[in-house]
Amino acid sequence: MYTLQIVYRRPQELEANPANSRVHTATQVRQVARSITTFGFLTPVLIDDKDIIVAGHCRAEAAKLNGLTSIPTIRVEHLTKAQQRAYTIAGCSPSAPMAQI
């Protein structure tokens, strides 16, 4: 079994996934930034072995907006590239059946 490890990284070091199909509006990013200010950064950003974001693009952008110098990340290198892509798609379309991914 793979053990997840949270590592704090600078949000500026993370790279947006060019294959990410979800686009967040400036309003959404500001809303997430306010949520982070209110509740803290509670959900780590998932990244691959090259620091490309698998899930958490909006949280990473909100962190930059808030001027955070480090955010929690989890490297998901135990997933294949195909699994990472499927996870990204599932995250962008939570109502999509996994059979379609």
PDB file of N, CA and C in Angstrom:
ATOM      1  N   MET A   1       0.839  -1.185   0.000  1.00  0.00           N
ATOM      2  CA  MET A   1       0.000   0.000   0.000  1.00  0.00           C
ATOM      3  C   MET A   1       0.880   1.241   0.000  1.00  0.00           C
ATOM      4  N   TYR A   2       0.447   2.234  -0.723  1.00  0.00           N
ATOM      5  CA  TYR A   2       1.186   3.482  -0.836  1.00  0.00           C
ATOM      6  C   TYR A   2       0.818   4.407   0.321  1.00  0.00           C
ATOM      7  N   THR A   3       1.800   5.009   0.960  1.00  0.00           N
ATOM      8  CA  THR A   3       1.569   5.941   2.054  1.00  0.00           C
ATOM      9  C   THR A   3       1.644   7.363   1.504  1.00  0.00           C
ATOM     10  N   LEU A   4       0.583   8.132   1.730  1.00  0.00           N
ATOM     11  CA  LEU A   4       0.566   9.516   1.275  1.00  0.00           C
ATOM     12  C   LEU A   4       1.366  10.385   2.223  1.00  0.00           C
ATOM     13  N   GLN A   5       2.132  11.297   1.660  1.00  0.00           N
ATOM     14  CA  GLN A   5       2.947  12.190   2.464  1.00  0.00           C
ATOM     15  C   GLN A   5       2.663  13.624   2.034  1.00  0.00           C
ATOM     16  N   ILE A   6       2.316  14.456   2.996  1.00  0.00           N
ATOM     17  CA  ILE A   6       2.084  15.868   2.708  1.00  0.00           C
ATOM     18  C   ILE A   6       3.416  16.604   2.795  1.00  0.00           C
ATOM     19  N   VAL A   7       3.731  17.341   1.725  1.00  0.00           N
ATOM     20  CA  VAL A   7       4.946  18.155   1.679  1.00  0.00           C
ATOM     21  C   VAL A   7       4.504  19.575   1.314  1.00  0.00           C
ATOM     22  N   TYR A   8       5.007  20.541   2.068  1.00  0.00           N
ATOM     23  CA  TYR A   8       4.668  21.937   1.788  1.00  0.00           C
ATOM     24  C   TYR A   8       5.604  22.479   0.718  1.00  0.00           C
ATOM     25  N   ARG A   9       4.999  23.088  -0.305  1.00  0.00           N
ATOM     26  CA  ARG A   9       5.755  23.644  -1.431  1.00  0.00           C
ATOM     27  C   ARG A   9       5.254  25.051  -1.732  1.00  0.00           C
ATOM     28  N   ARG A  10       6.104  25.812  -2.381  1.00  0.00           N
ATOM     29  CA  ARG A  10       5.703  27.143  -2.836  1.00  0.00           C
ATOM     30  C   ARG A  10       4.714  26.980  -3.993  1.00  0.00           C
ATOM     31  N   PRO A  11       3.576  27.673  -3.952  1.00  0.00           N
ATOM     32  CA  PRO A  11       2.613  27.519  -5.046  1.00  0.00           C
ATOM     33  C   PRO A  11       3.182  27.954  -6.401  1.00  0.00           C
ATOM     34  N   GLN A  12       4.148  28.871  -6.383  1.00  0.00           N
ATOM     35  CA  GLN A  12       4.763  29.327  -7.635  1.00  0.00           C
ATOM     36  C   GLN A  12       5.604  28.236  -8.290  1.00  0.00           C
ATOM     37  N   GLU A  13       5.992  27.221  -7.526  1.00  0.00           N
ATOM     38  CA  GLU A  13       6.796  26.124  -8.073  1.00  0.00           C
ATOM     39  C   GLU A  13       5.945  25.084  -8.785  1.00  0.00           C
ATOM     40  N   LEU A  14       4.632  25.141  -8.576  1.00  0.00           N
ATOM     41  CA  LEU A  14       3.737  24.159  -9.186  1.00  0.00           C
ATOM     42  C   LEU A  14       3.317  24.637 -10.567  1.00  0.00           C
ATOM     43  N   GLU A  15       3.186  23.694 -11.460  1.00  0.00           N
ATOM     44  CA  GLU A  15       2.837  24.019 -12.846  1.00  0.00           C
ATOM     45  C   GLU A  15       1.414  23.546 -13.133  1.00  0.00           C
ATOM     46  N   ALA A  16       0.635  24.421 -13.744  1.00  0.00           N
ATOM     47  CA  ALA A  16      -0.724  24.040 -14.140  1.00  0.00           C
ATOM     48  C   ALA A  16      -0.650  22.939 -15.190  1.00  0.00           C
ATOM     49  N   ASN A  17      -1.563  22.010 -15.111  1.00  0.00           N
ATOM     50  CA  ASN A  17      -1.622  20.914 -16.071  1.00  0.00           C
ATOM     51  C   ASN A  17      -2.264  21.423 -17.353  1.00  0.00           C
ATOM     52  N   PRO A  18      -1.554  21.405 -18.472  1.00  0.00           N
ATOM     53  CA  PRO A  18      -2.136  21.889 -19.719  1.00  0.00           C
ATOM     54  C   PRO A  18      -3.327  21.042 -20.184  1.00  0.00           C
ATOM     55  N   ALA A  19      -3.437  19.823 -19.669  1.00  0.00           N
ATOM     56  CA  ALA A  19      -4.549  18.946 -20.045  1.00  0.00           C
ATOM     57  C   ALA A  19      -5.777  19.155 -19.150  1.00  0.00           C
ATOM     58  N   ASN A  20      -5.663  20.046 -18.165  1.00  0.00           N
ATOM     59  CA  ASN A  20      -6.798  20.304 -17.281  1.00  0.00           C
ATOM     60  C   ASN A  20      -7.909  20.979 -18.084  1.00  0.00           C
ATOM     61  N   SER A  21      -9.080  20.367 -18.080  1.00  0.00           N
ATOM     62  CA  SER A  21     -10.176  20.890 -18.899  1.00  0.00           C
ATOM     63  C   SER A  21     -11.036  21.908 -18.170  1.00  0.00           C
ATOM     64  N   ARG A  22     -10.838  22.042 -16.873  1.00  0.00           N
ATOM     65  CA  ARG A  22     -11.677  22.950 -16.102  1.00  0.00           C
ATOM     66  C   ARG A  22     -11.014  24.319 -16.017  1.00  0.00           C
ATOM     67  N   VAL A  23     -11.805  25.352 -16.328  1.00  0.00           N
ATOM     68  CA  VAL A  23     -11.323  26.724 -16.237  1.00  0.00           C
ATOM     69  C   VAL A  23     -12.075  27.415 -15.110  1.00  0.00           C
ATOM     70  N   HIS A  24     -11.336  28.012 -14.198  1.00  0.00           N
ATOM     71  CA  HIS A  24     -11.938  28.716 -13.071  1.00  0.00           C
ATOM     72  C   HIS A  24     -11.973  30.203 -13.371  1.00  0.00           C
ATOM     73  N   THR A  25     -13.089  30.824 -13.084  1.00  0.00           N
ATOM     74  CA  THR A  25     -13.208  32.269 -13.281  1.00  0.00           C
ATOM     75  C   THR A  25     -12.467  32.988 -12.159  1.00  0.00           C
ATOM     76  N   ALA A  26     -12.201  34.259 -12.383  1.00  0.00           N
ATOM     77  CA  ALA A  26     -11.560  35.073 -11.352  1.00  0.00           C
ATOM     78  C   ALA A  26     -12.435  35.127 -10.101  1.00  0.00           C
ATOM     79  N   THR A  27     -13.737  35.145 -10.291  1.00  0.00           N
ATOM     80  CA  THR A  27     -14.659  35.153  -9.149  1.00  0.00           C
ATOM     81  C   THR A  27     -14.511  33.878  -8.334  1.00  0.00           C
ATOM     82  N   GLN A  28     -14.429  32.737  -8.999  1.00  0.00           N
ATOM     83  CA  GLN A  28     -14.260  31.463  -8.289  1.00  0.00           C
ATOM     84  C   GLN A  28     -12.952  31.431  -7.514  1.00  0.00           C
ATOM     85  N   VAL A  29     -11.881  31.916  -8.123  1.00  0.00           N
ATOM     86  CA  VAL A  29     -10.578  31.923  -7.455  1.00  0.00           C
ATOM     87  C   VAL A  29     -10.648  32.824  -6.219  1.00  0.00           C
ATOM     88  N   ARG A  30     -11.290  33.996  -6.334  1.00  0.00           N
ATOM     89  CA  ARG A  30     -11.436  34.885  -5.177  1.00  0.00           C
ATOM     90  C   ARG A  30     -12.265  34.231  -4.077  1.00  0.00           C
ATOM     91  N   GLN A  31     -13.315  33.503  -4.460  1.00  0.00           N
ATOM     92  CA  GLN A  31     -14.139  32.809  -3.460  1.00  0.00           C
ATOM     93  C   GLN A  31     -13.326  31.756  -2.718  1.00  0.00           C
ATOM     94  N   VAL A  32     -12.528  30.993  -3.443  1.00  0.00           N
ATOM     95  CA  VAL A  32     -11.682  29.983  -2.809  1.00  0.00           C
ATOM     96  C   VAL A  32     -10.629  30.666  -1.934  1.00  0.00           C
ATOM     97  N   ALA A  33     -10.097  31.789  -2.394  1.00  0.00           N
ATOM     98  CA  ALA A  33      -9.114  32.531  -1.594  1.00  0.00           C
ATOM     99  C   ALA A  33      -9.737  32.977  -0.268  1.00  0.00           C
ATOM    100  N   ARG A  34     -10.981  33.451  -0.310  1.00  0.00           N
ATOM    101  CA  ARG A  34     -11.667  33.856   0.927  1.00  0.00           C
ATOM    102  C   ARG A  34     -11.889  32.643   1.833  1.00  0.00           C
ATOM    103  N   SER A  35     -12.228  31.521   1.239  1.00  0.00           N
ATOM    104  CA  SER A  35     -12.426  30.299   2.011  1.00  0.00           C
ATOM    105  C   SER A  35     -11.132  29.878   2.702  1.00  0.00           C
ATOM    106  N   ILE A  36     -10.022  29.970   1.996  1.00  0.00           N
ATOM    107  CA  ILE A  36      -8.726  29.626   2.579  1.00  0.00           C
ATOM    108  C   ILE A  36      -8.403  30.581   3.730  1.00  0.00           C
ATOM    109  N   THR A  37      -8.714  31.856   3.557  1.00  0.00           N
ATOM    110  CA  THR A  37      -8.486  32.830   4.623  1.00  0.00           C
ATOM    111  C   THR A  37      -9.321  32.486   5.851  1.00  0.00           C
ATOM    112  N   THR A  38     -10.559  32.081   5.627  1.00  0.00           N
ATOM    113  CA  THR A  38     -11.479  31.793   6.726  1.00  0.00           C
ATOM    114  C   THR A  38     -11.166  30.471   7.415  1.00  0.00           C
ATOM    115  N   PHE A  39     -10.967  29.424   6.636  1.00  0.00           N
ATOM    116  CA  PHE A  39     -10.855  28.068   7.193  1.00  0.00           C
ATOM    117  C   PHE A  39      -9.446  27.492   7.193  1.00  0.00           C
ATOM    118  N   GLY A  40      -8.548  28.092   6.431  1.00  0.00           N
ATOM    119  CA  GLY A  40      -7.213  27.537   6.263  1.00  0.00           C
ATOM    120  C   GLY A  40      -7.148  26.688   5.008  1.00  0.00           C
ATOM    121  N   PHE A  41      -5.958  26.248   4.678  1.00  0.00           N
ATOM    122  CA  PHE A  41      -5.735  25.433   3.483  1.00  0.00           C
ATOM    123  C   PHE A  41      -5.889  23.979   3.900  1.00  0.00           C
ATOM    124  N   LEU A  42      -7.095  23.442   3.779  1.00  0.00           N
ATOM    125  CA  LEU A  42      -7.420  22.137   4.345  1.00  0.00           C
ATOM    126  C   LEU A  42      -7.265  20.963   3.384  1.00  0.00           C
ATOM    127  N   THR A  43      -7.236  21.228   2.082  1.00  0.00           N
ATOM    128  CA  THR A  43      -7.167  20.146   1.101  1.00  0.00           C
ATOM    129  C   THR A  43      -5.886  20.290   0.285  1.00  0.00           C
ATOM    130  N   PRO A  44      -4.949  19.354   0.422  1.00  0.00           N
ATOM    131  CA  PRO A  44      -3.698  19.464  -0.325  1.00  0.00           C
ATOM    132  C   PRO A  44      -3.918  19.423  -1.839  1.00  0.00           C
ATOM    133  N   VAL A  45      -2.983  20.036  -2.555  1.00  0.00           N
ATOM    134  CA  VAL A  45      -2.958  19.992  -4.011  1.00  0.00           C
ATOM    135  C   VAL A  45      -2.236  18.702  -4.406  1.00  0.00           C
ATOM    136  N   LEU A  46      -2.801  17.965  -5.334  1.00  0.00           N
ATOM    137  CA  LEU A  46      -2.175  16.733  -5.815  1.00  0.00           C
ATOM    138  C   LEU A  46      -1.282  17.072  -7.002  1.00  0.00           C
ATOM    139  N   ILE A  47      -0.057  16.553  -6.973  1.00  0.00           N
ATOM    140  CA  ILE A  47       0.904  16.842  -8.036  1.00  0.00           C
ATOM    141  C   ILE A  47       1.573  15.552  -8.504  1.00  0.00           C
ATOM    142  N   ASP A  48       2.114  15.617  -9.723  1.00  0.00           N
ATOM    143  CA  ASP A  48       2.838  14.455 -10.237  1.00  0.00           C
ATOM    144  C   ASP A  48       4.322  14.584  -9.896  1.00  0.00           C
ATOM    145  N   ASP A  49       5.141  13.711 -10.456  1.00  0.00           N
ATOM    146  CA  ASP A  49       6.563  13.688 -10.136  1.00  0.00           C
ATOM    147  C   ASP A  49       7.343  14.877 -10.705  1.00  0.00           C
ATOM    148  N   LYS A  50       6.686  15.686 -11.552  1.00  0.00           N
ATOM    149  CA  LYS A  50       7.333  16.872 -12.127  1.00  0.00           C
ATOM    150  C   LYS A  50       6.700  18.168 -11.616  1.00  0.00           C
ATOM    151  N   ASP A  51       5.963  18.073 -10.514  1.00  0.00           N
ATOM    152  CA  ASP A  51       5.281  19.215  -9.885  1.00  0.00           C
ATOM    153  C   ASP A  51       4.182  19.811 -10.759  1.00  0.00           C
ATOM    154  N   ILE A  52       3.610  18.988 -11.636  1.00  0.00           N
ATOM    155  CA  ILE A  52       2.453  19.405 -12.429  1.00  0.00           C
ATOM    156  C   ILE A  52       1.204  19.044 -11.640  1.00  0.00           C
ATOM    157  N   ILE A  53       0.271  19.985 -11.558  1.00  0.00           N
ATOM    158  CA  ILE A  53      -0.928  19.790 -10.755  1.00  0.00           C
ATOM    159  C   ILE A  53      -1.839  18.746 -11.393  1.00  0.00           C
ATOM    160  N   VAL A  54      -2.230  17.767 -10.604  1.00  0.00           N
ATOM    161  CA  VAL A  54      -3.192  16.753 -11.016  1.00  0.00           C
ATOM    162  C   VAL A  54      -4.590  17.194 -10.580  1.00  0.00           C
ATOM    163  N   ALA A  55      -4.685  17.723  -9.367  1.00  0.00           N
ATOM    164  CA  ALA A  55      -5.955  18.230  -8.845  1.00  0.00           C
ATOM    165  C   ALA A  55      -5.656  19.350  -7.858  1.00  0.00           C
ATOM    166  N   GLY A  56      -6.395  20.448  -7.981  1.00  0.00           N
ATOM    167  CA  GLY A  56      -6.213  21.571  -7.073  1.00  0.00           C
ATOM    168  C   GLY A  56      -5.751  22.849  -7.735  1.00  0.00           C
ATOM    169  N   HIS A  57      -6.007  22.972  -9.033  1.00  0.00           N
ATOM    170  CA  HIS A  57      -5.592  24.172  -9.766  1.00  0.00           C
ATOM    171  C   HIS A  57      -6.138  25.451  -9.123  1.00  0.00           C
ATOM    172  N   CYS A  58      -7.417  25.456  -8.794  1.00  0.00           N
ATOM    173  CA  CYS A  58      -8.036  26.650  -8.224  1.00  0.00           C
ATOM    174  C   CYS A  58      -7.445  26.967  -6.847  1.00  0.00           C
ATOM    175  N   ARG A  59      -7.229  25.950  -6.029  1.00  0.00           N
ATOM    176  CA  ARG A  59      -6.633  26.171  -4.708  1.00  0.00           C
ATOM    177  C   ARG A  59      -5.230  26.766  -4.839  1.00  0.00           C
ATOM    178  N   ALA A  60      -4.462  26.280  -5.795  1.00  0.00           N
ATOM    179  CA  ALA A  60      -3.111  26.804  -5.994  1.00  0.00           C
ATOM    180  C   ALA A  60      -3.157  28.267  -6.433  1.00  0.00           C
ATOM    181  N   GLU A  61      -4.072  28.610  -7.333  1.00  0.00           N
ATOM    182  CA  GLU A  61      -4.219  30.002  -7.775  1.00  0.00           C
ATOM    183  C   GLU A  61      -4.694  30.890  -6.634  1.00  0.00           C
ATOM    184  N   ALA A  62      -5.613  30.383  -5.818  1.00  0.00           N
ATOM    185  CA  ALA A  62      -6.112  31.141  -4.670  1.00  0.00           C
ATOM    186  C   ALA A  62      -4.995  31.382  -3.664  1.00  0.00           C
ATOM    187  N   ALA A  63      -4.137  30.401  -3.488  1.00  0.00           N
ATOM    188  CA  ALA A  63      -3.003  30.549  -2.575  1.00  0.00           C
ATOM    189  C   ALA A  63      -2.080  31.666  -3.046  1.00  0.00           C
ATOM    190  N   LYS A  64      -1.840  31.721  -4.346  1.00  0.00           N
ATOM    191  CA  LYS A  64      -1.019  32.801  -4.902  1.00  0.00           C
ATOM    192  C   LYS A  64      -1.688  34.140  -4.652  1.00  0.00           C
ATOM    193  N   LEU A  65      -2.988  34.205  -4.881  1.00  0.00           N
ATOM    194  CA  LEU A  65      -3.744  35.437  -4.668  1.00  0.00           C
ATOM    195  C   LEU A  65      -3.632  35.891  -3.215  1.00  0.00           C
ATOM    196  N   ASN A  66      -3.650  34.949  -2.290  1.00  0.00           N
ATOM    197  CA  ASN A  66      -3.537  35.262  -0.868  1.00  0.00           C
ATOM    198  C   ASN A  66      -2.096  35.523  -0.420  1.00  0.00           C
ATOM    199  N   GLY A  67      -1.143  35.328  -1.327  1.00  0.00           N
ATOM    200  CA  GLY A  67       0.256  35.567  -0.982  1.00  0.00           C
ATOM    201  C   GLY A  67       0.868  34.495  -0.101  1.00  0.00           C
ATOM    202  N   LEU A  68       0.289  33.280  -0.143  1.00  0.00           N
ATOM    203  CA  LEU A  68       0.842  32.191   0.666  1.00  0.00           C
ATOM    204  C   LEU A  68       2.205  31.770   0.115  1.00  0.00           C
ATOM    205  N   THR A  69       3.119  31.481   1.001  1.00  0.00           N
ATOM    206  CA  THR A  69       4.466  31.085   0.575  1.00  0.00           C
ATOM    207  C   THR A  69       4.646  29.578   0.546  1.00  0.00           C
ATOM    208  N   SER A  70       3.717  28.833   1.167  1.00  0.00           N
ATOM    209  CA  SER A  70       3.777  27.373   1.076  1.00  0.00           C
ATOM    210  C   SER A  70       2.365  26.814   1.242  1.00  0.00           C
ATOM    211  N   ILE A  71       2.130  25.720   0.520  1.00  0.00           N
ATOM    212  CA  ILE A  71       0.833  25.052   0.578  1.00  0.00           C
ATOM    213  C   ILE A  71       1.060  23.547   0.651  1.00  0.00           C
ATOM    214  N   PRO A  72       0.108  22.820   1.237  1.00  0.00           N
ATOM    215  CA  PRO A  72       0.277  21.370   1.321  1.00  0.00           C
ATOM    216  C   PRO A  72       0.066  20.709  -0.035  1.00  0.00           C
ATOM    217  N   THR A  73       0.952  19.781  -0.346  1.00  0.00           N
ATOM    218  CA  THR A  73       0.838  19.013  -1.589  1.00  0.00           C
ATOM    219  C   THR A  73       1.025  17.537  -1.278  1.00  0.00           C
ATOM    220  N   ILE A  74       0.473  16.720  -2.147  1.00  0.00           N
ATOM    221  CA  ILE A  74       0.695  15.276  -2.100  1.00  0.00           C
ATOM    222  C   ILE A  74       1.124  14.841  -3.489  1.00  0.00           C
ATOM    223  N   ARG A  75       2.270  14.185  -3.557  1.00  0.00           N
ATOM    224  CA  ARG A  75       2.763  13.672  -4.835  1.00  0.00           C
ATOM    225  C   ARG A  75       2.094  12.314  -5.082  1.00  0.00           C
ATOM    226  N   VAL A  76       1.453  12.173  -6.233  1.00  0.00           N
ATOM    227  CA  VAL A  76       0.710  10.945  -6.553  1.00  0.00           C
ATOM    228  C   VAL A  76       1.470  10.111  -7.579  1.00  0.00           C
ATOM    229  N   GLU A  77       2.742   9.931  -7.338  1.00  0.00           N
ATOM    230  CA  GLU A  77       3.582   9.207  -8.290  1.00  0.00           C
ATOM    231  C   GLU A  77       3.286   7.713  -8.315  1.00  0.00           C
ATOM    232  N   HIS A  78       2.480   7.242  -7.382  1.00  0.00           N
ATOM    233  CA  HIS A  78       2.078   5.833  -7.409  1.00  0.00           C
ATOM    234  C   HIS A  78       1.015   5.578  -8.475  1.00  0.00           C
ATOM    235  N   LEU A  79       0.421   6.652  -9.012  1.00  0.00           N
ATOM    236  CA  LEU A  79      -0.559   6.520 -10.095  1.00  0.00           C
ATOM    237  C   LEU A  79       0.145   6.601 -11.438  1.00  0.00           C
ATOM    238  N   THR A  80      -0.324   5.833 -12.391  1.00  0.00           N
ATOM    239  CA  THR A  80       0.206   5.938 -13.751  1.00  0.00           C
ATOM    240  C   THR A  80      -0.267   7.258 -14.354  1.00  0.00           C
ATOM    241  N   LYS A  81       0.336   7.659 -15.449  1.00  0.00           N
ATOM    242  CA  LYS A  81      -0.104   8.885 -16.142  1.00  0.00           C
ATOM    243  C   LYS A  81      -1.566   8.759 -16.562  1.00  0.00           C
ATOM    244  N   ALA A  82      -1.976   7.584 -17.001  1.00  0.00           N
ATOM    245  CA  ALA A  82      -3.374   7.363 -17.391  1.00  0.00           C
ATOM    246  C   ALA A  82      -4.304   7.507 -16.182  1.00  0.00           C
ATOM    247  N   GLN A  83      -3.879   6.988 -15.043  1.00  0.00           N
ATOM    248  CA  GLN A  83      -4.694   7.123 -13.834  1.00  0.00           C
ATOM    249  C   GLN A  83      -4.759   8.582 -13.375  1.00  0.00           C
ATOM    250  N   GLN A  84      -3.654   9.288 -13.485  1.00  0.00           N
ATOM    251  CA  GLN A  84      -3.655  10.706 -13.118  1.00  0.00           C
ATOM    252  C   GLN A  84      -4.616  11.486 -14.014  1.00  0.00           C
ATOM    253  N   ARG A  85      -4.579  11.198 -15.298  1.00  0.00           N
ATOM    254  CA  ARG A  85      -5.482  11.871 -16.254  1.00  0.00           C
ATOM    255  C   ARG A  85      -6.927  11.532 -15.921  1.00  0.00           C
ATOM    256  N   ALA A  86      -7.223  10.275 -15.643  1.00  0.00           N
ATOM    257  CA  ALA A  86      -8.589   9.867 -15.291  1.00  0.00           C
ATOM    258  C   ALA A  86      -9.039  10.568 -14.016  1.00  0.00           C
ATOM    259  N   TYR A  87      -8.150  10.699 -13.053  1.00  0.00           N
ATOM    260  CA  TYR A  87      -8.495  11.384 -11.804  1.00  0.00           C
ATOM    261  C   TYR A  87      -8.783  12.858 -12.062  1.00  0.00           C
ATOM    262  N   THR A  88      -7.973  13.485 -12.905  1.00  0.00           N
ATOM    263  CA  THR A  88      -8.192  14.888 -13.263  1.00  0.00           C
ATOM    264  C   THR A  88      -9.550  15.063 -13.934  1.00  0.00           C
ATOM    265  N   ILE A  89      -9.870  14.197 -14.868  1.00  0.00           N
ATOM    266  CA  ILE A  89     -11.159  14.276 -15.568  1.00  0.00           C
ATOM    267  C   ILE A  89     -12.305  14.053 -14.590  1.00  0.00           C
ATOM    268  N   ALA A  90     -12.173  13.064 -13.715  1.00  0.00           N
ATOM    269  CA  ALA A  90     -13.227  12.779 -12.744  1.00  0.00           C
ATOM    270  C   ALA A  90     -13.434  13.973 -11.820  1.00  0.00           C
ATOM    271  N   GLY A  91     -12.360  14.639 -11.448  1.00  0.00           N
ATOM    272  CA  GLY A  91     -12.457  15.812 -10.587  1.00  0.00           C
ATOM    273  C   GLY A  91     -13.135  16.981 -11.261  1.00  0.00           C
ATOM    274  N   CYS A  92     -12.969  17.085 -12.568  1.00  0.00           N
ATOM    275  CA  CYS A  92     -13.577  18.181 -13.323  1.00  0.00           C
ATOM    276  C   CYS A  92     -15.021  17.863 -13.662  1.00  0.00           C
ATOM    277  N   SER A  93     -15.378  16.596 -13.705  1.00  0.00           N
ATOM    278  CA  SER A  93     -16.737  16.161 -14.041  1.00  0.00           C
ATOM    279  C   SER A  93     -17.194  15.137 -13.021  1.00  0.00           C
ATOM    280  N   PRO A  94     -17.492  15.596 -11.800  1.00  0.00           N
ATOM    281  CA  PRO A  94     -17.817  14.624 -10.750  1.00  0.00           C
ATOM    282  C   PRO A  94     -19.031  13.765 -11.041  1.00  0.00           C
ATOM    283  N   SER A  95     -19.887  14.179 -11.955  1.00  0.00           N
ATOM    284  CA  SER A  95     -21.075  13.366 -12.276  1.00  0.00           C
ATOM    285  C   SER A  95     -20.809  12.373 -13.408  1.00  0.00           C
ATOM    286  N   ALA A  96     -19.599  12.438 -13.996  1.00  0.00           N
ATOM    287  CA  ALA A  96     -19.283  11.521 -15.101  1.00  0.00           C
ATOM    288  C   ALA A  96     -19.044  10.115 -14.561  1.00  0.00           C
ATOM    289  N   PRO A  97     -19.680   9.125 -15.135  1.00  0.00           N
ATOM    290  CA  PRO A  97     -19.423   7.753 -14.699  1.00  0.00           C
ATOM    291  C   PRO A  97     -17.986   7.369 -15.004  1.00  0.00           C
ATOM    292  N   MET A  98     -17.353   6.636 -14.105  1.00  0.00           N
ATOM    293  CA  MET A  98     -15.967   6.242 -14.307  1.00  0.00           C
ATOM    294  C   MET A  98     -15.784   5.409 -15.564  1.00  0.00           C
ATOM    295  N   ALA A  99     -16.822   4.723 -16.006  1.00  0.00           N
ATOM    296  CA  ALA A  99     -16.718   3.909 -17.212  1.00  0.00           C
ATOM    297  C   ALA A  99     -16.430   4.771 -18.440  1.00  0.00           C
ATOM    298  N   GLN A 100     -16.781   6.051 -18.398  1.00  0.00           N
ATOM    299  CA  GLN A 100     -16.556   6.915 -19.545  1.00  0.00           C
ATOM    300  C   GLN A 100     -15.148   7.487 -19.545  1.00  0.00           C
ATOM    301  N   ILE A 101     -14.424   7.276 -18.493  1.00  0.00           N
ATOM    302  CA  ILE A 101     -13.101   7.897 -18.373  1.00  0.00           C
ATOM    303  C   ILE A 101     -12.038   6.937 -18.825  1.00  0.00           C
TER     304      ILE A 101
END
